[in-house]
């Protein structure tokens, strides 16, 4: 087998890997201007909406202005800092990490797939808070 058939594509070197703390970046894209905030969409679905002023169904969507380089964790703390009920539901009080009842997705991928809590976000990224359903 020709080693060129298995060598990673040069563009793959900048792609986020599972558990990576780097966000994907297009190498042709200029770095963000540190003086211009990024805008991230935060979306809550189903019963999680009640923690953001919703009725516990449907969805609540809003834009968050964040500084360049802001991480998923920082944005979640920014949002949950304004909504005490969300703060109590989202974060484990003992560990300080995410609790177990709300899934966090970044651009439709569950945390741990392409992003972690410490992944930097890009302008236009979307964080979705999705309540888990349990039962039997």
N, C-alpha and C. Protein backbone atom coordinates (compact mmCIF):
# COMPACT_ATOMS: atom_id res chain seq x y z
N UNK A 1 0.85 -1.18 0.00
CA UNK A 1 0.00 0.00 0.00
C UNK A 1 0.88 1.23 0.00
N UNK A 2 0.53 2.18 -0.77
CA UNK A 2 1.27 3.43 -0.87
C UNK A 2 1.00 4.26 0.39
N UNK A 3 2.05 4.72 1.13
CA UNK A 3 1.82 5.47 2.37
C UNK A 3 1.05 6.75 2.16
N UNK A 4 1.04 7.28 0.95
CA UNK A 4 0.27 8.49 0.70
C UNK A 4 -1.22 8.23 0.81
N UNK A 5 -1.63 6.95 0.65
CA UNK A 5 -3.05 6.60 0.77
C UNK A 5 -3.54 6.67 2.21
N UNK A 6 -2.65 6.55 3.18
CA UNK A 6 -3.07 6.55 4.58
C UNK A 6 -2.63 7.81 5.33
N UNK A 7 -1.83 8.64 4.69
CA UNK A 7 -1.39 9.87 5.34
C UNK A 7 -2.56 10.81 5.52
N UNK A 8 -2.63 11.51 6.66
CA UNK A 8 -3.74 12.45 6.85
C UNK A 8 -3.66 13.58 5.85
N UNK A 9 -4.81 14.05 5.45
CA UNK A 9 -4.90 15.20 4.56
C UNK A 9 -4.32 16.40 5.30
N UNK A 10 -3.54 17.27 4.63
CA UNK A 10 -2.95 18.43 5.32
C UNK A 10 -3.96 19.27 6.07
N UNK A 11 -5.16 19.43 5.54
CA UNK A 11 -6.17 20.25 6.22
C UNK A 11 -6.67 19.59 7.49
N UNK A 12 -6.48 18.27 7.62
CA UNK A 12 -6.97 17.56 8.80
C UNK A 12 -6.19 17.93 10.05
N UNK A 13 -5.00 18.47 9.89
CA UNK A 13 -4.18 18.83 11.05
C UNK A 13 -4.83 19.89 11.91
N UNK A 14 -5.71 20.70 11.36
CA UNK A 14 -6.35 21.77 12.13
C UNK A 14 -7.77 21.40 12.56
N UNK A 15 -8.19 20.18 12.32
CA UNK A 15 -9.53 19.77 12.70
C UNK A 15 -9.54 19.34 14.16
N UNK A 16 -10.61 19.65 14.88
CA UNK A 16 -10.72 19.26 16.28
C UNK A 16 -10.91 17.76 16.36
N UNK A 17 -10.25 17.15 17.29
CA UNK A 17 -10.37 15.72 17.54
C UNK A 17 -11.18 15.54 18.80
N UNK A 18 -11.76 14.33 18.99
CA UNK A 18 -12.52 14.11 20.22
C UNK A 18 -11.66 14.45 21.43
N UNK A 19 -12.24 15.21 22.34
CA UNK A 19 -11.55 15.63 23.55
C UNK A 19 -10.64 16.83 23.34
N UNK A 20 -10.51 17.29 22.13
CA UNK A 20 -9.66 18.43 21.84
C UNK A 20 -10.26 19.69 22.44
N UNK A 21 -9.39 20.60 22.85
CA UNK A 21 -9.89 21.87 23.38
C UNK A 21 -9.85 22.95 22.31
N UNK A 22 -9.41 22.60 21.11
CA UNK A 22 -9.38 23.58 20.03
C UNK A 22 -10.62 23.49 19.19
N UNK A 23 -11.15 24.63 18.82
CA UNK A 23 -12.28 24.65 17.90
C UNK A 23 -11.73 24.50 16.48
N UNK A 24 -12.55 24.02 15.59
CA UNK A 24 -12.13 23.91 14.20
C UNK A 24 -11.94 25.30 13.61
N UNK A 25 -10.89 25.44 12.82
CA UNK A 25 -10.62 26.74 12.21
C UNK A 25 -10.23 26.53 10.77
N UNK A 26 -10.85 27.28 9.92
CA UNK A 26 -10.51 27.28 8.50
C UNK A 26 -9.19 28.03 8.37
N UNK A 27 -8.15 27.37 7.81
CA UNK A 27 -6.84 28.04 7.74
C UNK A 27 -6.85 29.29 6.87
N UNK A 28 -7.84 29.45 6.03
CA UNK A 28 -7.91 30.65 5.19
C UNK A 28 -8.64 31.80 5.88
N UNK A 29 -9.21 31.52 7.02
CA UNK A 29 -10.00 32.51 7.75
C UNK A 29 -9.08 33.36 8.64
N UNK A 30 -9.30 34.64 8.64
CA UNK A 30 -8.51 35.54 9.48
C UNK A 30 -8.86 35.28 10.95
N UNK A 31 -7.89 35.43 11.85
CA UNK A 31 -8.20 35.25 13.27
C UNK A 31 -9.19 36.32 13.73
N UNK A 32 -10.00 36.00 14.76
CA UNK A 32 -10.98 36.98 15.22
C UNK A 32 -10.31 38.23 15.78
N UNK A 33 -10.97 39.36 15.58
CA UNK A 33 -10.50 40.63 16.12
C UNK A 33 -10.81 40.63 17.61
N UNK A 34 -9.80 40.79 18.47
CA UNK A 34 -10.04 40.72 19.91
C UNK A 34 -10.98 41.81 20.44
N UNK A 35 -11.21 42.85 19.67
CA UNK A 35 -12.10 43.91 20.12
C UNK A 35 -13.54 43.74 19.66
N UNK A 36 -13.81 42.73 18.85
CA UNK A 36 -15.15 42.51 18.32
C UNK A 36 -15.74 41.25 18.94
N UNK A 37 -16.89 41.37 19.63
CA UNK A 37 -17.47 40.19 20.25
C UNK A 37 -17.98 39.19 19.21
N UNK A 38 -17.96 37.94 19.60
CA UNK A 38 -18.56 36.88 18.79
C UNK A 38 -20.00 36.73 19.22
N UNK A 39 -20.81 36.16 18.35
CA UNK A 39 -22.21 35.90 18.70
C UNK A 39 -22.46 34.41 18.61
N UNK A 40 -22.92 33.86 19.72
CA UNK A 40 -23.21 32.44 19.84
C UNK A 40 -24.69 32.30 20.13
N UNK A 41 -25.35 31.38 19.47
CA UNK A 41 -26.75 31.11 19.74
C UNK A 41 -26.85 30.08 20.86
N UNK A 42 -27.69 30.36 21.83
CA UNK A 42 -27.97 29.41 22.91
C UNK A 42 -29.43 29.03 22.78
N UNK A 43 -29.67 27.74 22.73
CA UNK A 43 -31.01 27.21 22.51
C UNK A 43 -31.32 26.20 23.62
N UNK A 44 -32.48 26.31 24.22
CA UNK A 44 -32.94 25.34 25.20
C UNK A 44 -34.20 24.68 24.64
N UNK A 45 -34.29 23.38 24.81
CA UNK A 45 -35.42 22.61 24.28
C UNK A 45 -36.17 21.90 25.40
N UNK A 46 -37.45 21.70 25.15
CA UNK A 46 -38.33 20.91 26.02
C UNK A 46 -38.33 21.45 27.44
N UNK A 47 -38.24 20.57 28.44
CA UNK A 47 -38.42 21.00 29.83
C UNK A 47 -37.34 21.96 30.32
N UNK A 48 -36.20 22.02 29.65
CA UNK A 48 -35.13 22.94 30.05
C UNK A 48 -35.56 24.40 29.87
N UNK A 49 -36.52 24.65 28.99
CA UNK A 49 -36.95 26.03 28.73
C UNK A 49 -37.51 26.70 29.98
N UNK A 50 -38.05 25.92 30.90
CA UNK A 50 -38.63 26.54 32.11
C UNK A 50 -37.57 27.23 32.96
N UNK A 51 -36.28 26.85 32.79
CA UNK A 51 -35.20 27.50 33.53
C UNK A 51 -34.76 28.81 32.87
N UNK A 52 -35.29 29.09 31.68
CA UNK A 52 -34.93 30.30 30.94
C UNK A 52 -36.15 31.16 30.64
N UNK A 53 -37.18 31.03 31.48
CA UNK A 53 -38.37 31.85 31.32
C UNK A 53 -39.41 31.28 30.38
N UNK A 54 -39.19 30.07 29.87
CA UNK A 54 -40.15 29.43 28.98
C UNK A 54 -41.20 28.65 29.76
N UNK A 55 -42.03 27.92 29.02
CA UNK A 55 -43.14 27.20 29.65
C UNK A 55 -42.86 25.72 29.87
N UNK A 56 -41.63 25.27 29.65
CA UNK A 56 -41.30 23.86 29.85
C UNK A 56 -41.55 23.02 28.61
N UNK A 57 -41.83 23.66 27.49
CA UNK A 57 -42.03 22.97 26.21
C UNK A 57 -41.47 23.83 25.10
N UNK A 58 -41.43 23.28 23.93
CA UNK A 58 -40.94 24.04 22.78
C UNK A 58 -39.48 24.40 22.91
N UNK A 59 -39.16 25.66 22.58
CA UNK A 59 -37.77 26.08 22.65
C UNK A 59 -37.66 27.55 23.02
N UNK A 60 -36.52 27.89 23.60
CA UNK A 60 -36.14 29.27 23.89
C UNK A 60 -34.79 29.45 23.21
N UNK A 61 -34.68 30.50 22.39
CA UNK A 61 -33.45 30.75 21.64
C UNK A 61 -33.05 32.20 21.84
N UNK A 62 -31.77 32.45 22.07
CA UNK A 62 -31.28 33.82 22.14
C UNK A 62 -29.81 33.85 21.75
N UNK A 63 -29.33 35.04 21.45
CA UNK A 63 -27.93 35.24 21.07
C UNK A 63 -27.15 35.73 22.28
N UNK A 64 -25.94 35.24 22.40
CA UNK A 64 -25.03 35.69 23.45
C UNK A 64 -23.84 36.36 22.79
N UNK A 65 -23.50 37.56 23.21
CA UNK A 65 -22.27 38.21 22.77
C UNK A 65 -21.17 37.76 23.73
N UNK A 66 -20.10 37.21 23.17
CA UNK A 66 -19.00 36.69 23.98
C UNK A 66 -17.68 37.18 23.39
N UNK A 67 -16.65 37.26 24.23
CA UNK A 67 -15.35 37.70 23.70
C UNK A 67 -14.73 36.61 22.84
N UNK A 68 -13.90 36.98 21.88
CA UNK A 68 -13.19 35.97 21.08
C UNK A 68 -12.41 35.04 22.01
N UNK A 69 -12.42 33.77 21.69
CA UNK A 69 -11.73 32.78 22.51
C UNK A 69 -12.58 32.22 23.63
N UNK A 70 -13.82 32.70 23.80
CA UNK A 70 -14.69 32.20 24.86
C UNK A 70 -14.93 30.71 24.66
N UNK A 71 -14.94 29.98 25.75
CA UNK A 71 -15.15 28.53 25.70
C UNK A 71 -16.61 28.18 25.95
N UNK A 72 -16.95 26.94 25.69
CA UNK A 72 -18.29 26.44 25.96
C UNK A 72 -18.60 26.65 27.44
N UNK A 73 -17.66 26.31 28.30
CA UNK A 73 -17.86 26.46 29.75
C UNK A 73 -18.15 27.92 30.12
N UNK A 74 -17.38 28.85 29.56
CA UNK A 74 -17.57 30.27 29.88
C UNK A 74 -18.93 30.77 29.44
N UNK A 75 -19.37 30.35 28.27
CA UNK A 75 -20.69 30.78 27.79
C UNK A 75 -21.78 30.19 28.66
N UNK A 76 -21.65 28.92 29.03
CA UNK A 76 -22.66 28.31 29.90
C UNK A 76 -22.71 28.99 31.26
N UNK A 77 -21.55 29.37 31.80
CA UNK A 77 -21.54 30.10 33.08
C UNK A 77 -22.14 31.50 32.90
N UNK A 78 -21.88 32.14 31.77
CA UNK A 78 -22.44 33.47 31.50
C UNK A 78 -23.96 33.40 31.49
N UNK A 79 -24.50 32.40 30.80
CA UNK A 79 -25.96 32.26 30.70
C UNK A 79 -26.54 31.83 32.05
N UNK A 80 -25.97 30.80 32.66
CA UNK A 80 -26.54 30.29 33.92
C UNK A 80 -26.38 31.30 35.05
N UNK A 81 -25.43 32.22 34.92
CA UNK A 81 -25.29 33.28 35.92
C UNK A 81 -26.48 34.23 35.94
N UNK A 82 -27.19 34.33 34.82
CA UNK A 82 -28.38 35.20 34.76
C UNK A 82 -29.66 34.44 35.10
N UNK A 83 -29.60 33.13 35.10
CA UNK A 83 -30.79 32.30 35.35
C UNK A 83 -30.46 31.31 36.47
N UNK A 84 -30.71 31.69 37.73
CA UNK A 84 -30.34 30.85 38.87
C UNK A 84 -30.91 29.43 38.82
N UNK A 85 -32.12 29.26 38.31
CA UNK A 85 -32.68 27.91 38.23
C UNK A 85 -31.91 27.06 37.22
N UNK A 86 -31.48 27.66 36.12
CA UNK A 86 -30.65 26.94 35.16
C UNK A 86 -29.32 26.59 35.80
N UNK A 87 -28.74 27.53 36.52
CA UNK A 87 -27.47 27.30 37.20
C UNK A 87 -27.56 26.08 38.11
N UNK A 88 -28.63 25.99 38.89
CA UNK A 88 -28.80 24.86 39.81
C UNK A 88 -29.01 23.55 39.07
N UNK A 89 -29.69 23.58 37.94
CA UNK A 89 -29.97 22.36 37.18
C UNK A 89 -28.79 21.92 36.32
N UNK A 90 -28.00 22.86 35.84
CA UNK A 90 -26.94 22.55 34.88
C UNK A 90 -25.65 22.07 35.53
N UNK A 91 -25.28 22.65 36.66
CA UNK A 91 -23.97 22.38 37.26
C UNK A 91 -24.08 21.51 38.51
N UNK A 92 -23.17 20.57 38.64
CA UNK A 92 -23.07 19.74 39.85
C UNK A 92 -22.39 20.58 40.93
N UNK A 93 -23.02 20.75 42.06
CA UNK A 93 -22.51 21.62 43.12
C UNK A 93 -21.23 21.08 43.75
N UNK A 94 -21.04 19.77 43.77
CA UNK A 94 -19.86 19.18 44.40
C UNK A 94 -18.64 19.29 43.49
N UNK A 95 -18.77 18.85 42.24
CA UNK A 95 -17.63 18.81 41.32
C UNK A 95 -17.42 20.11 40.55
N UNK A 96 -18.49 20.90 40.41
CA UNK A 96 -18.40 22.11 39.60
C UNK A 96 -18.48 21.84 38.10
N UNK A 97 -18.65 20.58 37.73
CA UNK A 97 -18.79 20.18 36.34
C UNK A 97 -20.26 20.09 35.99
N UNK A 98 -20.55 19.76 34.73
CA UNK A 98 -21.94 19.61 34.31
C UNK A 98 -22.63 18.52 35.11
N UNK A 99 -23.89 18.77 35.43
CA UNK A 99 -24.70 17.75 36.07
C UNK A 99 -25.09 16.70 35.06
N UNK A 100 -25.93 15.77 35.46
CA UNK A 100 -26.23 14.64 34.58
C UNK A 100 -27.57 14.70 33.86
N UNK A 101 -28.37 15.73 34.07
CA UNK A 101 -29.73 15.72 33.52
C UNK A 101 -29.94 16.58 32.28
N UNK A 102 -28.96 17.40 31.93
CA UNK A 102 -29.08 18.25 30.75
C UNK A 102 -27.91 17.96 29.82
N UNK A 103 -28.22 17.53 28.60
CA UNK A 103 -27.18 17.31 27.59
C UNK A 103 -26.83 18.64 26.95
N UNK A 104 -25.56 18.83 26.67
CA UNK A 104 -25.08 20.03 25.99
C UNK A 104 -24.57 19.60 24.62
N UNK A 105 -25.10 20.26 23.59
CA UNK A 105 -24.64 20.02 22.23
C UNK A 105 -24.01 21.30 21.70
N UNK A 106 -22.98 21.15 20.90
CA UNK A 106 -22.37 22.29 20.22
C UNK A 106 -22.46 21.98 18.73
N UNK A 107 -23.19 22.82 18.03
CA UNK A 107 -23.40 22.63 16.59
C UNK A 107 -23.93 21.21 16.31
N UNK A 108 -24.90 20.79 17.09
CA UNK A 108 -25.61 19.51 16.93
C UNK A 108 -24.79 18.28 17.30
N UNK A 109 -23.63 18.43 17.91
CA UNK A 109 -22.84 17.29 18.37
C UNK A 109 -22.75 17.33 19.89
N UNK A 110 -23.01 16.20 20.53
CA UNK A 110 -22.94 16.11 21.99
C UNK A 110 -21.51 16.39 22.43
N UNK A 111 -21.38 17.10 23.55
CA UNK A 111 -20.04 17.38 24.08
C UNK A 111 -19.24 16.09 24.14
N UNK A 112 -17.96 16.18 23.81
CA UNK A 112 -17.10 15.01 23.81
C UNK A 112 -16.90 14.44 22.42
N UNK A 113 -17.73 14.85 21.46
CA UNK A 113 -17.59 14.36 20.09
C UNK A 113 -16.62 15.27 19.33
N UNK A 114 -16.95 16.53 19.19
CA UNK A 114 -16.08 17.47 18.47
C UNK A 114 -15.66 18.64 19.36
N UNK A 115 -16.29 18.76 20.53
CA UNK A 115 -15.99 19.85 21.45
C UNK A 115 -15.99 19.32 22.87
N UNK A 116 -15.30 20.06 23.74
CA UNK A 116 -15.35 19.80 25.17
C UNK A 116 -15.82 21.10 25.84
N UNK A 117 -15.97 21.07 27.15
CA UNK A 117 -16.35 22.30 27.85
C UNK A 117 -15.32 23.40 27.65
N UNK A 118 -14.09 23.02 27.40
CA UNK A 118 -13.02 24.01 27.28
C UNK A 118 -12.66 24.32 25.83
N UNK A 119 -13.50 23.91 24.89
CA UNK A 119 -13.29 24.25 23.48
C UNK A 119 -13.66 25.71 23.25
N UNK A 120 -12.82 26.40 22.49
CA UNK A 120 -13.12 27.78 22.10
C UNK A 120 -14.23 27.77 21.06
N UNK A 121 -15.12 28.72 21.17
CA UNK A 121 -16.23 28.84 20.22
C UNK A 121 -15.89 29.83 19.12
N UNK A 122 -16.60 29.68 18.02
CA UNK A 122 -16.44 30.59 16.88
C UNK A 122 -17.74 31.36 16.68
N UNK A 123 -17.62 32.49 16.01
CA UNK A 123 -18.80 33.29 15.71
C UNK A 123 -19.82 32.43 14.96
N UNK A 124 -21.07 32.46 15.42
CA UNK A 124 -22.13 31.71 14.77
C UNK A 124 -22.34 30.31 15.32
N UNK A 125 -21.50 29.84 16.25
CA UNK A 125 -21.71 28.52 16.83
C UNK A 125 -23.01 28.50 17.62
N UNK A 126 -23.54 27.29 17.83
CA UNK A 126 -24.80 27.13 18.55
C UNK A 126 -24.63 26.12 19.67
N UNK A 127 -25.04 26.51 20.87
CA UNK A 127 -25.06 25.61 22.02
C UNK A 127 -26.52 25.26 22.28
N UNK A 128 -26.80 23.98 22.36
CA UNK A 128 -28.16 23.52 22.63
C UNK A 128 -28.18 22.81 23.98
N UNK A 129 -29.16 23.15 24.80
CA UNK A 129 -29.39 22.50 26.08
C UNK A 129 -30.62 21.62 25.94
N UNK A 130 -30.40 20.34 26.07
CA UNK A 130 -31.45 19.35 25.82
C UNK A 130 -31.65 18.51 27.06
N UNK A 131 -32.85 18.56 27.62
CA UNK A 131 -33.14 17.77 28.81
C UNK A 131 -33.18 16.28 28.52
N UNK A 132 -32.58 15.51 29.38
CA UNK A 132 -32.63 14.06 29.23
C UNK A 132 -33.97 13.54 29.72
N UNK A 133 -34.41 12.49 29.09
CA UNK A 133 -35.63 11.81 29.51
C UNK A 133 -35.26 10.44 30.00
N UNK A 134 -35.77 10.09 31.17
CA UNK A 134 -35.47 8.78 31.76
C UNK A 134 -36.78 8.12 32.16
N UNK A 135 -36.71 6.86 32.29
CA UNK A 135 -37.88 6.12 32.72
C UNK A 135 -37.85 4.72 32.15
N UNK A 136 -38.88 4.01 32.40
CA UNK A 136 -38.85 2.64 31.91
C UNK A 136 -40.23 2.10 31.74
